[in-house]
Amino acid sequence: MYLSPAIDCFDGMPVVWTIGRTPTAELTNKMLDSVISQLKPWERPIIYSDRGGHYR
């Protein structure tokens, strides 16, 4: 199983996450879509990744 979390760097808590059987772009995109759906209009997050293959 693979975990694709979005972590709040302020408090270290997960904001959203997705779990899948393989590390795919779809898994990552679902996580990012979840993050975007929770943003307030004025929020502008910075997304950082380890640049793994599924984040390209």
Foldseek 3Di string as FASTA:
>chain_A
DDKDFDADPVVRHTPDIFDDPDLALVRNVVRVVVVVVPDDPPDDDDDDDPPPPSVD
